[in-house]
């Protein structure tokens, strides 16, 4: 899995360290919603049933490099 330096840095935070790589891959491959930002980055969301939360993964314009991943408390499964 390709990642940015920013992702590697934020991954050290306690709330982010518990996010499994398999969950990130799941969101990338099975998104419930996809939004392309004005800067070309791609936001994808999917529900992670193991924790009953929605995970947001932000990819760079190439569609494969992970820039950020976090549980999105405001996403309700639109």
PDB file of N, CA and C in Angstrom:
ATOM      1  N   UNK A   1       0.849  -1.173   0.000  1.00  0.00           N
ATOM      2  CA  UNK A   1       0.000   0.000   0.000  1.00  0.00           C
ATOM      3  C   UNK A   1       0.896   1.239   0.000  1.00  0.00           C
ATOM      4  N   UNK A   2       0.682   2.105  -0.989  1.00  0.00           N
ATOM      5  CA  UNK A   2       1.461   3.340  -1.077  1.00  0.00           C
ATOM      6  C   UNK A   2       0.855   4.384  -0.140  1.00  0.00           C
ATOM      7  N   UNK A   3       1.718   5.108   0.588  1.00  0.00           N
ATOM      8  CA  UNK A   3       1.242   6.126   1.518  1.00  0.00           C
ATOM      9  C   UNK A   3       2.120   7.369   1.433  1.00  0.00           C
ATOM     10  N   UNK A   4       1.572   8.485   1.911  1.00  0.00           N
ATOM     11  CA  UNK A   4       2.334   9.729   1.974  1.00  0.00           C
ATOM     12  C   UNK A   4       3.068   9.811   3.311  1.00  0.00           C
ATOM     13  N   UNK A   5       4.017  10.730   3.387  1.00  0.00           N
ATOM     14  CA  UNK A   5       4.725  10.976   4.650  1.00  0.00           C
ATOM     15  C   UNK A   5       3.740  11.459   5.701  1.00  0.00           C
ATOM     16  N   UNK A   6       2.768  12.271   5.294  1.00  0.00           N
ATOM     17  CA  UNK A   6       1.753  12.772   6.219  1.00  0.00           C
ATOM     18  C   UNK A   6       0.994  11.605   6.858  1.00  0.00           C
ATOM     19  N   UNK A   7       0.607  10.633   6.041  1.00  0.00           N
ATOM     20  CA  UNK A   7      -0.108   9.468   6.566  1.00  0.00           C
ATOM     21  C   UNK A   7       0.761   8.732   7.582  1.00  0.00           C
ATOM     22  N   UNK A   8       2.015   8.525   7.263  1.00  0.00           N
ATOM     23  CA  UNK A   8       2.919   7.825   8.174  1.00  0.00           C
ATOM     24  C   UNK A   8       3.057   8.566   9.495  1.00  0.00           C
ATOM     25  N   UNK A   9       3.078   9.902   9.427  1.00  0.00           N
ATOM     26  CA  UNK A   9       3.192  10.710  10.635  1.00  0.00           C
ATOM     27  C   UNK A   9       1.921  10.618  11.492  1.00  0.00           C
ATOM     28  N   UNK A  10       0.751  10.795  10.869  1.00  0.00           N
ATOM     29  CA  UNK A  10      -0.494  10.782  11.635  1.00  0.00           C
ATOM     30  C   UNK A  10      -0.832   9.387  12.147  1.00  0.00           C
ATOM     31  N   UNK A  11      -0.300   8.382  11.515  1.00  0.00           N
ATOM     32  CA  UNK A  11      -0.538   6.992  11.924  1.00  0.00           C
ATOM     33  C   UNK A  11      -0.015   6.723  13.329  1.00  0.00           C
ATOM     34  N   UNK A  12       0.887   7.558  13.814  1.00  0.00           N
ATOM     35  CA  UNK A  12       1.464   7.387  15.150  1.00  0.00           C
ATOM     36  C   UNK A  12       0.513   7.832  16.257  1.00  0.00           C
ATOM     37  N   UNK A  13      -0.512   8.593  15.909  1.00  0.00           N
ATOM     38  CA  UNK A  13      -1.479   9.047  16.911  1.00  0.00           C
ATOM     39  C   UNK A  13      -2.256   7.843  17.442  1.00  0.00           C
ATOM     40  N   UNK A  14      -2.550   7.817  18.739  1.00  0.00           N
ATOM     41  CA  UNK A  14      -3.270   6.664  19.314  1.00  0.00           C
ATOM     42  C   UNK A  14      -4.608   6.360  18.646  1.00  0.00           C
ATOM     43  N   UNK A  15      -5.348   7.399  18.266  1.00  0.00           N
ATOM     44  CA  UNK A  15      -6.653   7.167  17.639  1.00  0.00           C
ATOM     45  C   UNK A  15      -6.534   6.650  16.212  1.00  0.00           C
ATOM     46  N   UNK A  16      -5.393   6.878  15.576  1.00  0.00           N
ATOM     47  CA  UNK A  16      -5.188   6.411  14.205  1.00  0.00           C
ATOM     48  C   UNK A  16      -4.448   5.074  14.147  1.00  0.00           C
ATOM     49  N   UNK A  17      -3.650   4.804  15.162  1.00  0.00           N
ATOM     50  CA  UNK A  17      -2.839   3.579  15.165  1.00  0.00           C
ATOM     51  C   UNK A  17      -3.708   2.320  15.177  1.00  0.00           C
ATOM     52  N   UNK A  18      -4.917   2.422  15.699  1.00  0.00           N
ATOM     53  CA  UNK A  18      -5.782   1.235  15.779  1.00  0.00           C
ATOM     54  C   UNK A  18      -6.516   0.918  14.478  1.00  0.00           C
ATOM     55  N   UNK A  19      -6.377   1.790  13.481  1.00  0.00           N
ATOM     56  CA  UNK A  19      -7.013   1.551  12.184  1.00  0.00           C
ATOM     57  C   UNK A  19      -6.187   0.525  11.422  1.00  0.00           C
ATOM     58  N   UNK A  20      -6.798  -0.601  11.149  1.00  0.00           N
ATOM     59  CA  UNK A  20      -6.097  -1.702  10.484  1.00  0.00           C
ATOM     60  C   UNK A  20      -5.926  -1.430   8.989  1.00  0.00           C
ATOM     61  N   UNK A  21      -4.798  -1.881   8.468  1.00  0.00           N
ATOM     62  CA  UNK A  21      -4.528  -1.720   7.038  1.00  0.00           C
ATOM     63  C   UNK A  21      -5.594  -2.432   6.202  1.00  0.00           C
ATOM     64  N   UNK A  22      -6.079  -3.550   6.677  1.00  0.00           N
ATOM     65  CA  UNK A  22      -7.111  -4.282   5.937  1.00  0.00           C
ATOM     66  C   UNK A  22      -8.401  -3.464   5.832  1.00  0.00           C
ATOM     67  N   UNK A  23      -8.698  -2.655   6.836  1.00  0.00           N
ATOM     68  CA  UNK A  23      -9.877  -1.782   6.784  1.00  0.00           C
ATOM     69  C   UNK A  23      -9.688  -0.706   5.721  1.00  0.00           C
ATOM     70  N   UNK A  24      -8.492  -0.147   5.655  1.00  0.00           N
ATOM     71  CA  UNK A  24      -8.198   0.882   4.650  1.00  0.00           C
ATOM     72  C   UNK A  24      -8.363   0.296   3.256  1.00  0.00           C
ATOM     73  N   UNK A  25      -7.816  -0.887   3.049  1.00  0.00           N
ATOM     74  CA  UNK A  25      -7.959  -1.553   1.743  1.00  0.00           C
ATOM     75  C   UNK A  25      -9.436  -1.815   1.416  1.00  0.00           C
ATOM     76  N   UNK A  26     -10.191  -2.219   2.427  1.00  0.00           N
ATOM     77  CA  UNK A  26     -11.614  -2.488   2.236  1.00  0.00           C
ATOM     78  C   UNK A  26     -12.336  -1.232   1.735  1.00  0.00           C
ATOM     79  N   UNK A  27     -12.067  -0.092   2.374  1.00  0.00           N
ATOM     80  CA  UNK A  27     -12.713   1.158   1.975  1.00  0.00           C
ATOM     81  C   UNK A  27     -12.331   1.525   0.543  1.00  0.00           C
ATOM     82  N   UNK A  28     -11.064   1.372   0.200  1.00  0.00           N
ATOM     83  CA  UNK A  28     -10.601   1.706  -1.151  1.00  0.00           C
ATOM     84  C   UNK A  28     -11.308   0.837  -2.199  1.00  0.00           C
ATOM     85  N   UNK A  29     -11.487  -0.432  -1.900  1.00  0.00           N
ATOM     86  CA  UNK A  29     -12.070  -1.362  -2.868  1.00  0.00           C
ATOM     87  C   UNK A  29     -13.595  -1.421  -2.834  1.00  0.00           C
ATOM     88  N   UNK A  30     -14.207  -1.018  -1.695  1.00  0.00           N
ATOM     89  CA  UNK A  30     -15.661  -1.149  -1.526  1.00  0.00           C
ATOM     90  C   UNK A  30     -16.294   0.113  -0.947  1.00  0.00           C
ATOM     91  N   UNK A  31     -16.069   1.258  -1.539  1.00  0.00           N
ATOM     92  CA  UNK A  31     -16.606   2.489  -0.941  1.00  0.00           C
ATOM     93  C   UNK A  31     -18.125   2.574  -1.046  1.00  0.00           C
ATOM     94  N   UNK A  32     -18.738   3.128  -0.015  1.00  0.00           N
ATOM     95  CA  UNK A  32     -20.170   3.406  -0.053  1.00  0.00           C
ATOM     96  C   UNK A  32     -20.424   4.768  -0.691  1.00  0.00           C
ATOM     97  N   UNK A  33     -19.424   5.652  -0.581  1.00  0.00           N
ATOM     98  CA  UNK A  33     -19.537   6.975  -1.185  1.00  0.00           C
ATOM     99  C   UNK A  33     -18.147   7.413  -1.620  1.00  0.00           C
ATOM    100  N   UNK A  34     -18.092   8.124  -2.743  1.00  0.00           N
ATOM    101  CA  UNK A  34     -16.829   8.650  -3.273  1.00  0.00           C
ATOM    102  C   UNK A  34     -17.047  10.106  -3.652  1.00  0.00           C
ATOM    103  N   UNK A  35     -16.119  10.962  -3.229  1.00  0.00           N
ATOM    104  CA  UNK A  35     -16.171  12.385  -3.574  1.00  0.00           C
ATOM    105  C   UNK A  35     -14.784  12.796  -4.055  1.00  0.00           C
ATOM    106  N   UNK A  36     -14.741  13.493  -5.180  1.00  0.00           N
ATOM    107  CA  UNK A  36     -13.472  14.022  -5.679  1.00  0.00           C
ATOM    108  C   UNK A  36     -13.391  15.491  -5.267  1.00  0.00           C
ATOM    109  N   UNK A  37     -12.360  15.821  -4.514  1.00  0.00           N
ATOM    110  CA  UNK A  37     -12.170  17.182  -4.027  1.00  0.00           C
ATOM    111  C   UNK A  37     -11.694  18.087  -5.155  1.00  0.00           C
ATOM    112  N   UNK A  38     -11.778  19.383  -4.935  1.00  0.00           N
ATOM    113  CA  UNK A  38     -11.354  20.349  -5.957  1.00  0.00           C
ATOM    114  C   UNK A  38      -9.859  20.245  -6.260  1.00  0.00           C
ATOM    115  N   UNK A  39      -9.070  19.726  -5.302  1.00  0.00           N
ATOM    116  CA  UNK A  39      -7.627  19.563  -5.532  1.00  0.00           C
ATOM    117  C   UNK A  39      -7.281  18.217  -6.176  1.00  0.00           C
ATOM    118  N   UNK A  40      -8.301  17.422  -6.504  1.00  0.00           N
ATOM    119  CA  UNK A  40      -8.096  16.142  -7.172  1.00  0.00           C
ATOM    120  C   UNK A  40      -8.001  14.946  -6.242  1.00  0.00           C
ATOM    121  N   UNK A  41      -7.870  15.205  -4.943  1.00  0.00           N
ATOM    122  CA  UNK A  41      -7.826  14.076  -4.009  1.00  0.00           C
ATOM    123  C   UNK A  41      -9.190  13.403  -3.945  1.00  0.00           C
ATOM    124  N   UNK A  42      -9.169  12.135  -3.577  1.00  0.00           N
ATOM    125  CA  UNK A  42     -10.381  11.321  -3.607  1.00  0.00           C
ATOM    126  C   UNK A  42     -10.731  10.871  -2.195  1.00  0.00           C
ATOM    127  N   UNK A  43     -11.945  11.198  -1.765  1.00  0.00           N
ATOM    128  CA  UNK A  43     -12.431  10.764  -0.459  1.00  0.00           C
ATOM    129  C   UNK A  43     -13.334   9.553  -0.648  1.00  0.00           C
ATOM    130  N   UNK A  44     -13.113   8.523   0.164  1.00  0.00           N
ATOM    131  CA  UNK A  44     -13.941   7.323   0.113  1.00  0.00           C
ATOM    132  C   UNK A  44     -14.358   6.949   1.536  1.00  0.00           C
ATOM    133  N   UNK A  45     -15.612   6.518   1.667  1.00  0.00           N
ATOM    134  CA  UNK A  45     -16.132   6.094   2.957  1.00  0.00           C
ATOM    135  C   UNK A  45     -16.705   4.688   2.844  1.00  0.00           C
ATOM    136  N   UNK A  46     -16.600   3.946   3.944  1.00  0.00           N
ATOM    137  CA  UNK A  46     -17.282   2.658   4.070  1.00  0.00           C
ATOM    138  C   UNK A  46     -17.421   2.352   5.548  1.00  0.00           C
ATOM    139  N   UNK A  47     -18.449   1.590   5.870  1.00  0.00           N
ATOM    140  CA  UNK A  47     -18.677   1.205   7.265  1.00  0.00           C
ATOM    141  C   UNK A  47     -17.807   0.002   7.605  1.00  0.00           C
ATOM    142  N   UNK A  48     -17.131   0.098   8.726  1.00  0.00           N
ATOM    143  CA  UNK A  48     -16.321  -1.008   9.240  1.00  0.00           C
ATOM    144  C   UNK A  48     -17.161  -1.682  10.319  1.00  0.00           C
ATOM    145  N   UNK A  49     -17.735  -2.817   9.986  1.00  0.00           N
ATOM    146  CA  UNK A  49     -18.688  -3.467  10.885  1.00  0.00           C
ATOM    147  C   UNK A  49     -18.066  -3.903  12.213  1.00  0.00           C
ATOM    148  N   UNK A  50     -16.790  -4.227  12.208  1.00  0.00           N
ATOM    149  CA  UNK A  50     -16.128  -4.668  13.440  1.00  0.00           C
ATOM    150  C   UNK A  50     -16.179  -3.617  14.541  1.00  0.00           C
ATOM    151  N   UNK A  51     -16.193  -2.355  14.150  1.00  0.00           N
ATOM    152  CA  UNK A  51     -16.220  -1.268  15.137  1.00  0.00           C
ATOM    153  C   UNK A  51     -17.474  -0.412  15.016  1.00  0.00           C
ATOM    154  N   UNK A  52     -18.329  -0.726  14.042  1.00  0.00           N
ATOM    155  CA  UNK A  52     -19.578  -0.015  13.807  1.00  0.00           C
ATOM    156  C   UNK A  52     -19.351   1.487  13.589  1.00  0.00           C
ATOM    157  N   UNK A  53     -18.353   1.807  12.767  1.00  0.00           N
ATOM    158  CA  UNK A  53     -18.032   3.197  12.448  1.00  0.00           C
ATOM    159  C   UNK A  53     -17.698   3.301  10.964  1.00  0.00           C
ATOM    160  N   UNK A  54     -17.828   4.536  10.451  1.00  0.00           N
ATOM    161  CA  UNK A  54     -17.457   4.803   9.070  1.00  0.00           C
ATOM    162  C   UNK A  54     -16.019   5.283   9.010  1.00  0.00           C
ATOM    163  N   UNK A  55     -15.257   4.674   8.125  1.00  0.00           N
ATOM    164  CA  UNK A  55     -13.867   5.047   7.919  1.00  0.00           C
ATOM    165  C   UNK A  55     -13.778   5.876   6.642  1.00  0.00           C
ATOM    166  N   UNK A  56     -13.130   7.043   6.749  1.00  0.00           N
ATOM    167  CA  UNK A  56     -12.883   7.868   5.567  1.00  0.00           C
ATOM    168  C   UNK A  56     -11.419   7.690   5.186  1.00  0.00           C
ATOM    169  N   UNK A  57     -11.193   7.408   3.916  1.00  0.00           N
ATOM    170  CA  UNK A  57      -9.842   7.281   3.387  1.00  0.00           C
ATOM    171  C   UNK A  57      -9.686   8.331   2.301  1.00  0.00           C
ATOM    172  N   UNK A  58      -8.606   9.098   2.390  1.00  0.00           N
ATOM    173  CA  UNK A  58      -8.329  10.117   1.384  1.00  0.00           C
ATOM    174  C   UNK A  58      -7.120   9.676   0.572  1.00  0.00           C
ATOM    175  N   UNK A  59      -7.338   9.586  -0.732  1.00  0.00           N
ATOM    176  CA  UNK A  59      -6.293   9.165  -1.660  1.00  0.00           C
ATOM    177  C   UNK A  59      -5.804  10.363  -2.464  1.00  0.00           C
ATOM    178  N   UNK A  60      -4.567  10.298  -2.908  1.00  0.00           N
ATOM    179  CA  UNK A  60      -4.064  11.323  -3.813  1.00  0.00           C
ATOM    180  C   UNK A  60      -4.711  11.142  -5.172  1.00  0.00           C
ATOM    181  N   UNK A  61      -4.434  12.062  -6.080  1.00  0.00           N
ATOM    182  CA  UNK A  61      -5.037  12.068  -7.412  1.00  0.00           C
ATOM    183  C   UNK A  61      -4.811  10.777  -8.185  1.00  0.00           C
ATOM    184  N   UNK A  62      -3.742  10.033  -7.839  1.00  0.00           N
ATOM    185  CA  UNK A  62      -3.452   8.785  -8.558  1.00  0.00           C
ATOM    186  C   UNK A  62      -4.434   7.667  -8.212  1.00  0.00           C
ATOM    187  N   UNK A  63      -5.255   7.875  -7.176  1.00  0.00           N
ATOM    188  CA  UNK A  63      -6.261   6.898  -6.799  1.00  0.00           C
ATOM    189  C   UNK A  63      -5.736   5.706  -6.025  1.00  0.00           C
ATOM    190  N   UNK A  64      -4.453   5.711  -5.673  1.00  0.00           N
ATOM    191  CA  UNK A  64      -3.911   4.566  -4.936  1.00  0.00           C
ATOM    192  C   UNK A  64      -3.043   4.933  -3.733  1.00  0.00           C
ATOM    193  N   UNK A  65      -2.525   6.161  -3.676  1.00  0.00           N
ATOM    194  CA  UNK A  65      -1.673   6.564  -2.559  1.00  0.00           C
ATOM    195  C   UNK A  65      -2.534   7.115  -1.430  1.00  0.00           C
ATOM    196  N   UNK A  66      -2.441   6.488  -0.249  1.00  0.00           N
ATOM    197  CA  UNK A  66      -3.241   6.889   0.906  1.00  0.00           C
ATOM    198  C   UNK A  66      -2.591   8.104   1.564  1.00  0.00           C
ATOM    199  N   UNK A  67      -3.391   9.167   1.692  1.00  0.00           N
ATOM    200  CA  UNK A  67      -2.919  10.397   2.331  1.00  0.00           C
ATOM    201  C   UNK A  67      -3.435  10.512   3.769  1.00  0.00           C
ATOM    202  N   UNK A  68      -4.623   9.988   4.023  1.00  0.00           N
ATOM    203  CA  UNK A  68      -5.214  10.092   5.351  1.00  0.00           C
ATOM    204  C   UNK A  68      -6.270   9.009   5.508  1.00  0.00           C
ATOM    205  N   UNK A  69      -6.494   8.606   6.756  1.00  0.00           N
ATOM    206  CA  UNK A  69      -7.547   7.640   7.067  1.00  0.00           C
ATOM    207  C   UNK A  69      -7.966   7.871   8.513  1.00  0.00           C
ATOM    208  N   UNK A  70      -9.277   8.014   8.707  1.00  0.00           N
ATOM    209  CA  UNK A  70      -9.769   8.249  10.063  1.00  0.00           C
ATOM    210  C   UNK A  70     -11.247   7.891  10.140  1.00  0.00           C
ATOM    211  N   UNK A  71     -11.716   7.635  11.368  1.00  0.00           N
ATOM    212  CA  UNK A  71     -13.128   7.370  11.570  1.00  0.00           C
ATOM    213  C   UNK A  71     -13.860   8.699  11.531  1.00  0.00           C
ATOM    214  N   UNK A  72     -14.833   8.793  10.634  1.00  0.00           N
ATOM    215  CA  UNK A  72     -15.557  10.032  10.394  1.00  0.00           C
ATOM    216  C   UNK A  72     -16.853  10.032  11.202  1.00  0.00           C
ATOM    217  N   UNK A  73     -16.828  10.733  12.313  1.00  0.00           N
ATOM    218  CA  UNK A  73     -17.989  10.748  13.213  1.00  0.00           C
ATOM    219  C   UNK A  73     -19.193  11.465  12.614  1.00  0.00           C
ATOM    220  N   UNK A  74     -18.966  12.352  11.649  1.00  0.00           N
ATOM    221  CA  UNK A  74     -20.094  13.111  11.085  1.00  0.00           C
ATOM    222  C   UNK A  74     -20.750  12.405   9.908  1.00  0.00           C
ATOM    223  N   UNK A  75     -20.123  11.381   9.334  1.00  0.00           N
ATOM    224  CA  UNK A  75     -20.689  10.675   8.180  1.00  0.00           C
ATOM    225  C   UNK A  75     -21.761   9.692   8.656  1.00  0.00           C
ATOM    226  N   UNK A  76     -22.932   9.786   8.035  1.00  0.00           N
ATOM    227  CA  UNK A  76     -24.070   8.963   8.444  1.00  0.00           C
ATOM    228  C   UNK A  76     -24.487   7.943   7.400  1.00  0.00           C
ATOM    229  N   UNK A  77     -23.659   7.711   6.416  1.00  0.00           N
ATOM    230  CA  UNK A  77     -23.990   6.716   5.406  1.00  0.00           C
ATOM    231  C   UNK A  77     -24.854   7.235   4.296  1.00  0.00           C
ATOM    232  N   UNK A  78     -24.604   8.465   3.880  1.00  0.00           N
ATOM    233  CA  UNK A  78     -25.408   9.109   2.806  1.00  0.00           C
ATOM    234  C   UNK A  78     -25.491   8.222   1.589  1.00  0.00           C
TER     235      UNK A  78
END
